[in-house]
């Protein structure tokens, strides 16, 4: 009887793997918004672009229409501090580079451009977790 229970206990994690991906926290999204507004303060948030950004991360070969695209991935040790403050700080400090590379293009979109950002945390590795992020920017209509 003990052998059967032990076998089942070992089998359950194989049959029902834990979800390795979780959505980026709201403070993580705020960090992406903060990075985006660094280059153009008058941007309009678009839920449609939020959804397209997540699709783009999950399916990198899928074509996504946007005037400016920013994407990044950064891994951290699993034991790193977690929580809203840590998420915001990790996003703003770790993904500054990709935004700086596209900063002039973001600024050139001008006031009223639409944008949306999304991301997830991948915990499938034993010793690290990886944050994947993407932001899409579209010129205002008529420009």
C-alpha atoms as a PDB file:
ATOM      1  CA  UNK A   1       0.000   0.000   0.000  1.00  0.00           C
ATOM      2  CA  UNK A   2       2.815   2.402   0.890  1.00  0.00           C
ATOM      3  CA  UNK A   3       4.518   1.615  -2.418  1.00  0.00           C
ATOM      4  CA  UNK A   4       1.364   2.517  -4.369  1.00  0.00           C
ATOM      5  CA  UNK A   5       0.976   5.848  -2.553  1.00  0.00           C
ATOM      6  CA  UNK A   6       4.645   6.676  -3.036  1.00  0.00           C
ATOM      7  CA  UNK A   7       4.389   5.853  -6.746  1.00  0.00           C
ATOM      8  CA  UNK A   8       1.331   8.066  -7.133  1.00  0.00           C
ATOM      9  CA  UNK A   9       3.047  10.916  -5.306  1.00  0.00           C
ATOM     10  CA  UNK A  10       5.947  10.739  -7.742  1.00  0.00           C
ATOM     11  CA  UNK A  11       3.683  10.422 -10.779  1.00  0.00           C
ATOM     12  CA  UNK A  12       1.443  13.419 -10.066  1.00  0.00           C
ATOM     13  CA  UNK A  13       4.147  16.056 -10.788  1.00  0.00           C
ATOM     14  CA  UNK A  14       4.924  14.314 -14.071  1.00  0.00           C
ATOM     15  CA  UNK A  15       1.295  14.081 -15.179  1.00  0.00           C
ATOM     16  CA  UNK A  16       0.282  17.518 -13.876  1.00  0.00           C
ATOM     17  CA  UNK A  17       3.296  19.793 -14.298  1.00  0.00           C
ATOM     18  CA  UNK A  18       3.172  23.088 -12.476  1.00  0.00           C
ATOM     19  CA  UNK A  19       2.414  26.138 -14.536  1.00  0.00           C
ATOM     20  CA  UNK A  20       5.798  27.553 -15.306  1.00  0.00           C
ATOM     21  CA  UNK A  21       4.551  30.859 -16.744  1.00  0.00           C
ATOM     22  CA  UNK A  22       2.746  33.513 -14.757  1.00  0.00           C
ATOM     23  CA  UNK A  23       1.595  36.940 -15.908  1.00  0.00           C
ATOM     24  CA  UNK A  24       3.709  39.951 -15.138  1.00  0.00           C
ATOM     25  CA  UNK A  25       2.485  41.687 -11.979  1.00  0.00           C
ATOM     26  CA  UNK A  26       0.717  45.042 -12.191  1.00  0.00           C
ATOM     27  CA  UNK A  27       3.840  46.712 -10.788  1.00  0.00           C
ATOM     28  CA  UNK A  28       5.878  45.028 -13.524  1.00  0.00           C
ATOM     29  CA  UNK A  29       3.494  46.467 -16.130  1.00  0.00           C
ATOM     30  CA  UNK A  30       3.815  49.869 -14.421  1.00  0.00           C
ATOM     31  CA  UNK A  31       7.582  49.568 -14.827  1.00  0.00           C
ATOM     32  CA  UNK A  32       7.147  49.013 -18.569  1.00  0.00           C
ATOM     33  CA  UNK A  33       4.775  51.977 -18.758  1.00  0.00           C
ATOM     34  CA  UNK A  34       7.333  54.108 -16.920  1.00  0.00           C
ATOM     35  CA  UNK A  35      10.090  53.104 -19.351  1.00  0.00           C
ATOM     36  CA  UNK A  36       7.820  53.827 -22.337  1.00  0.00           C
ATOM     37  CA  UNK A  37       6.812  57.291 -21.113  1.00  0.00           C
ATOM     38  CA  UNK A  38      10.451  58.226 -20.589  1.00  0.00           C
ATOM     39  CA  UNK A  39      10.677  58.900 -24.337  1.00  0.00           C
ATOM     40  CA  UNK A  40       7.181  60.290 -24.998  1.00  0.00           C
ATOM     41  CA  UNK A  41       5.030  61.349 -22.072  1.00  0.00           C
ATOM     42  CA  UNK A  42       1.766  61.700 -24.013  1.00  0.00           C
ATOM     43  CA  UNK A  43       1.080  58.075 -24.970  1.00  0.00           C
ATOM     44  CA  UNK A  44      -2.341  56.400 -25.018  1.00  0.00           C
ATOM     45  CA  UNK A  45      -2.612  52.929 -23.446  1.00  0.00           C
ATOM     46  CA  UNK A  46      -4.199  50.346 -25.757  1.00  0.00           C
ATOM     47  CA  UNK A  47      -5.573  47.036 -24.461  1.00  0.00           C
ATOM     48  CA  UNK A  48      -5.486  45.742 -28.036  1.00  0.00           C
ATOM     49  CA  UNK A  49      -1.721  46.343 -28.151  1.00  0.00           C
ATOM     50  CA  UNK A  50      -1.373  44.760 -24.689  1.00  0.00           C
ATOM     51  CA  UNK A  51      -2.884  41.550 -26.083  1.00  0.00           C
ATOM     52  CA  UNK A  52      -0.821  41.713 -29.281  1.00  0.00           C
ATOM     53  CA  UNK A  53       2.367  42.199 -27.241  1.00  0.00           C
ATOM     54  CA  UNK A  54       1.648  38.992 -25.313  1.00  0.00           C
ATOM     55  CA  UNK A  55       0.924  37.118 -28.552  1.00  0.00           C
ATOM     56  CA  UNK A  56       4.225  38.379 -29.955  1.00  0.00           C
ATOM     57  CA  UNK A  57       6.175  37.132 -26.927  1.00  0.00           C
ATOM     58  CA  UNK A  58       4.522  33.721 -27.038  1.00  0.00           C
ATOM     59  CA  UNK A  59       4.812  33.352 -30.833  1.00  0.00           C
ATOM     60  CA  UNK A  60       7.997  35.174 -31.889  1.00  0.00           C
ATOM     61  CA  UNK A  61       7.629  34.174 -35.543  1.00  0.00           C
ATOM     62  CA  UNK A  62       4.137  35.651 -35.718  1.00  0.00           C
ATOM     63  CA  UNK A  63       4.074  38.969 -37.565  1.00  0.00           C
ATOM     64  CA  UNK A  64       2.847  41.864 -35.452  1.00  0.00           C
ATOM     65  CA  UNK A  65       2.040  45.266 -36.926  1.00  0.00           C
ATOM     66  CA  UNK A  66       3.507  48.151 -34.954  1.00  0.00           C
ATOM     67  CA  UNK A  67       5.629  51.180 -35.747  1.00  0.00           C
ATOM     68  CA  UNK A  68       8.047  50.485 -32.896  1.00  0.00           C
ATOM     69  CA  UNK A  69       8.600  47.165 -31.110  1.00  0.00           C
ATOM     70  CA  UNK A  70      10.548  46.574 -27.914  1.00  0.00           C
ATOM     71  CA  UNK A  71      11.215  43.089 -26.595  1.00  0.00           C
ATOM     72  CA  UNK A  72      13.464  41.704 -23.895  1.00  0.00           C
ATOM     73  CA  UNK A  73      14.278  38.748 -21.664  1.00  0.00           C
ATOM     74  CA  UNK A  74      16.235  38.792 -18.419  1.00  0.00           C
ATOM     75  CA  UNK A  75      16.879  35.942 -15.979  1.00  0.00           C
ATOM     76  CA  UNK A  76      17.406  36.194 -12.213  1.00  0.00           C
ATOM     77  CA  UNK A  77      18.231  33.705  -9.450  1.00  0.00           C
ATOM     78  CA  UNK A  78      14.999  32.262  -8.043  1.00  0.00           C
ATOM     79  CA  UNK A  79      15.864  33.352  -4.528  1.00  0.00           C
ATOM     80  CA  UNK A  80      15.866  37.044  -5.544  1.00  0.00           C
ATOM     81  CA  UNK A  81      13.386  39.211  -3.672  1.00  0.00           C
ATOM     82  CA  UNK A  82       9.872  39.101  -5.056  1.00  0.00           C
ATOM     83  CA  UNK A  83       6.998  41.501  -4.676  1.00  0.00           C
ATOM     84  CA  UNK A  84       5.623  44.670  -6.255  1.00  0.00           C
ATOM     85  CA  UNK A  85       8.621  46.885  -5.461  1.00  0.00           C
ATOM     86  CA  UNK A  86      11.085  44.244  -6.642  1.00  0.00           C
ATOM     87  CA  UNK A  87       9.108  43.674  -9.870  1.00  0.00           C
ATOM     88  CA  UNK A  88       9.010  47.393 -10.682  1.00  0.00           C
ATOM     89  CA  UNK A  89      12.722  47.802  -9.960  1.00  0.00           C
ATOM     90  CA  UNK A  90      13.693  44.690 -11.940  1.00  0.00           C
ATOM     91  CA  UNK A  91      11.737  45.871 -14.960  1.00  0.00           C
ATOM     92  CA  UNK A  92      12.978  49.461 -14.921  1.00  0.00           C
ATOM     93  CA  UNK A  93      16.614  48.531 -14.279  1.00  0.00           C
ATOM     94  CA  UNK A  94      16.871  45.393 -16.429  1.00  0.00           C
ATOM     95  CA  UNK A  95      15.056  46.522 -19.553  1.00  0.00           C
ATOM     96  CA  UNK A  96      16.395  50.064 -19.891  1.00  0.00           C
ATOM     97  CA  UNK A  97      18.736  48.962 -22.717  1.00  0.00           C
ATOM     98  CA  UNK A  98      16.094  47.749 -25.183  1.00  0.00           C
ATOM     99  CA  UNK A  99      14.062  50.920 -24.585  1.00  0.00           C
ATOM    100  CA  UNK A 100      17.111  53.164 -25.034  1.00  0.00           C
ATOM    101  CA  UNK A 101      17.823  51.500 -28.392  1.00  0.00           C
ATOM    102  CA  UNK A 102      14.308  52.405 -29.571  1.00  0.00           C
ATOM    103  CA  UNK A 103      13.994  55.685 -27.629  1.00  0.00           C
ATOM    104  CA  UNK A 104      14.378  58.039 -30.607  1.00  0.00           C
ATOM    105  CA  UNK A 105      11.809  56.048 -32.581  1.00  0.00           C
ATOM    106  CA  UNK A 106       9.357  56.145 -29.652  1.00  0.00           C
ATOM    107  CA  UNK A 107       9.842  59.914 -29.294  1.00  0.00           C
ATOM    108  CA  UNK A 108       9.347  60.394 -33.054  1.00  0.00           C
ATOM    109  CA  UNK A 109       5.877  58.816 -32.842  1.00  0.00           C
ATOM    110  CA  UNK A 110       4.706  61.999 -31.141  1.00  0.00           C
ATOM    111  CA  UNK A 111       1.902  62.820 -28.772  1.00  0.00           C
ATOM    112  CA  UNK A 112      -1.154  60.596 -28.927  1.00  0.00           C
ATOM    113  CA  UNK A 113       0.664  57.479 -30.095  1.00  0.00           C
ATOM    114  CA  UNK A 114      -0.852  54.241 -28.804  1.00  0.00           C
ATOM    115  CA  UNK A 115       1.119  51.658 -26.910  1.00  0.00           C
ATOM    116  CA  UNK A 116       0.672  48.459 -24.969  1.00  0.00           C
ATOM    117  CA  UNK A 117       3.054  46.335 -22.939  1.00  0.00           C
ATOM    118  CA  UNK A 118       2.856  42.849 -21.548  1.00  0.00           C
ATOM    119  CA  UNK A 119       5.012  40.086 -20.210  1.00  0.00           C
ATOM    120  CA  UNK A 120       5.323  36.985 -18.114  1.00  0.00           C
ATOM    121  CA  UNK A 121       7.640  35.318 -15.640  1.00  0.00           C
ATOM    122  CA  UNK A 122       8.909  31.871 -16.635  1.00  0.00           C
ATOM    123  CA  UNK A 123       9.817  29.673 -13.661  1.00  0.00           C
ATOM    124  CA  UNK A 124      10.521  26.417 -15.507  1.00  0.00           C
ATOM    125  CA  UNK A 125      14.206  26.424 -14.573  1.00  0.00           C
ATOM    126  CA  UNK A 126      15.355  25.163 -11.172  1.00  0.00           C
ATOM    127  CA  UNK A 127      17.795  27.916 -10.261  1.00  0.00           C
ATOM    128  CA  UNK A 128      16.454  30.919 -12.156  1.00  0.00           C
ATOM    129  CA  UNK A 129      13.335  32.690 -13.308  1.00  0.00           C
ATOM    130  CA  UNK A 130      13.169  34.652 -16.532  1.00  0.00           C
ATOM    131  CA  UNK A 131      11.093  37.737 -17.220  1.00  0.00           C
ATOM    132  CA  UNK A 132       9.931  38.196 -20.815  1.00  0.00           C
ATOM    133  CA  UNK A 133       8.531  41.591 -21.831  1.00  0.00           C
ATOM    134  CA  UNK A 134       7.296  43.330 -24.962  1.00  0.00           C
ATOM    135  CA  UNK A 135       5.854  46.730 -25.827  1.00  0.00           C
ATOM    136  CA  UNK A 136       4.272  47.795 -29.100  1.00  0.00           C
ATOM    137  CA  UNK A 137       3.865  51.400 -30.245  1.00  0.00           C
ATOM    138  CA  UNK A 138       1.657  52.730 -33.056  1.00  0.00           C
ATOM    139  CA  UNK A 139       1.609  56.253 -34.524  1.00  0.00           C
ATOM    140  CA  UNK A 140      -1.526  58.285 -33.999  1.00  0.00           C
ATOM    141  CA  UNK A 141      -3.947  58.038 -36.906  1.00  0.00           C
ATOM    142  CA  UNK A 142      -3.436  60.812 -39.407  1.00  0.00           C
ATOM    143  CA  UNK A 143       0.341  61.053 -38.877  1.00  0.00           C
END
